[in-house]
Amino acid sequence: MLGQKLLPAKVTIDVPLALALIELGFAILAAPASIPGLLSAARHMPVR
């Protein structure tokens, strides 16, 4: 993200990067347990 702010805009980089981030979001929504470390802290939290 920092590179996008410092460097001039390039569609050849921006579009694939945006699509990759969207795909990562869908992967997290579909199977959050498949992302290492994502749920480990939540498992140890007490239930109120």
Protein backbone atom coordinates (compact mmCIF):
# COMPACT_ATOMS: atom_id res chain seq x y z
CA MET A 1 0.00 0.00 0.00
CA LEU A 2 2.83 2.36 0.79
CA GLY A 3 4.29 1.73 -2.66
CA GLN A 4 1.03 2.78 -4.25
CA LYS A 5 1.16 6.09 -2.40
CA LEU A 6 4.80 6.85 -3.20
CA LEU A 7 5.00 5.64 -6.80
CA PRO A 8 2.95 6.85 -9.77
CA ALA A 9 -0.21 4.87 -10.51
CA LYS A 10 0.19 1.95 -12.90
CA VAL A 11 -2.85 -0.04 -14.00
CA THR A 12 -0.69 -3.08 -14.75
CA ILE A 13 0.22 -3.33 -11.06
CA ASP A 14 -2.81 -1.82 -9.33
CA VAL A 15 -5.50 -4.04 -10.86
CA PRO A 16 -3.81 -7.41 -10.16
CA LEU A 17 -2.94 -6.27 -6.64
CA ALA A 18 -6.54 -5.25 -5.97
CA LEU A 19 -7.82 -8.56 -7.33
CA ALA A 20 -5.34 -10.49 -5.17
CA LEU A 21 -6.50 -8.65 -2.05
CA ILE A 22 -10.13 -9.34 -2.91
CA GLU A 23 -9.35 -13.04 -3.43
CA LEU A 24 -7.54 -13.13 -0.09
CA GLY A 25 -10.63 -11.67 1.57
CA PHE A 26 -12.85 -14.31 -0.01
CA ALA A 27 -10.42 -17.05 1.08
CA ILE A 28 -10.57 -15.79 4.65
CA LEU A 29 -14.37 -15.67 4.55
CA ALA A 30 -14.63 -19.15 3.03
CA ALA A 31 -12.17 -20.95 5.32
CA PRO A 32 -10.76 -18.81 8.13
CA ALA A 33 -9.11 -21.85 9.76
CA SER A 34 -6.89 -22.28 6.70
CA ILE A 35 -5.06 -19.00 7.44
CA PRO A 36 -2.30 -19.75 10.00
CA GLY A 37 -2.54 -17.64 13.14
CA LEU A 38 -5.86 -16.05 12.26
CA LEU A 39 -7.97 -17.87 14.83
CA SER A 40 -5.37 -18.84 17.44
CA ALA A 41 -5.91 -15.77 19.63
CA ALA A 42 -9.69 -15.98 19.38
CA ARG A 43 -9.71 -19.58 20.63
CA HIS A 44 -8.18 -18.56 23.95
CA MET A 45 -10.51 -15.65 24.68
CA PRO A 46 -13.05 -16.21 27.45
CA VAL A 47 -16.70 -16.31 26.44
CA ARG A 48 -18.85 -13.71 28.19
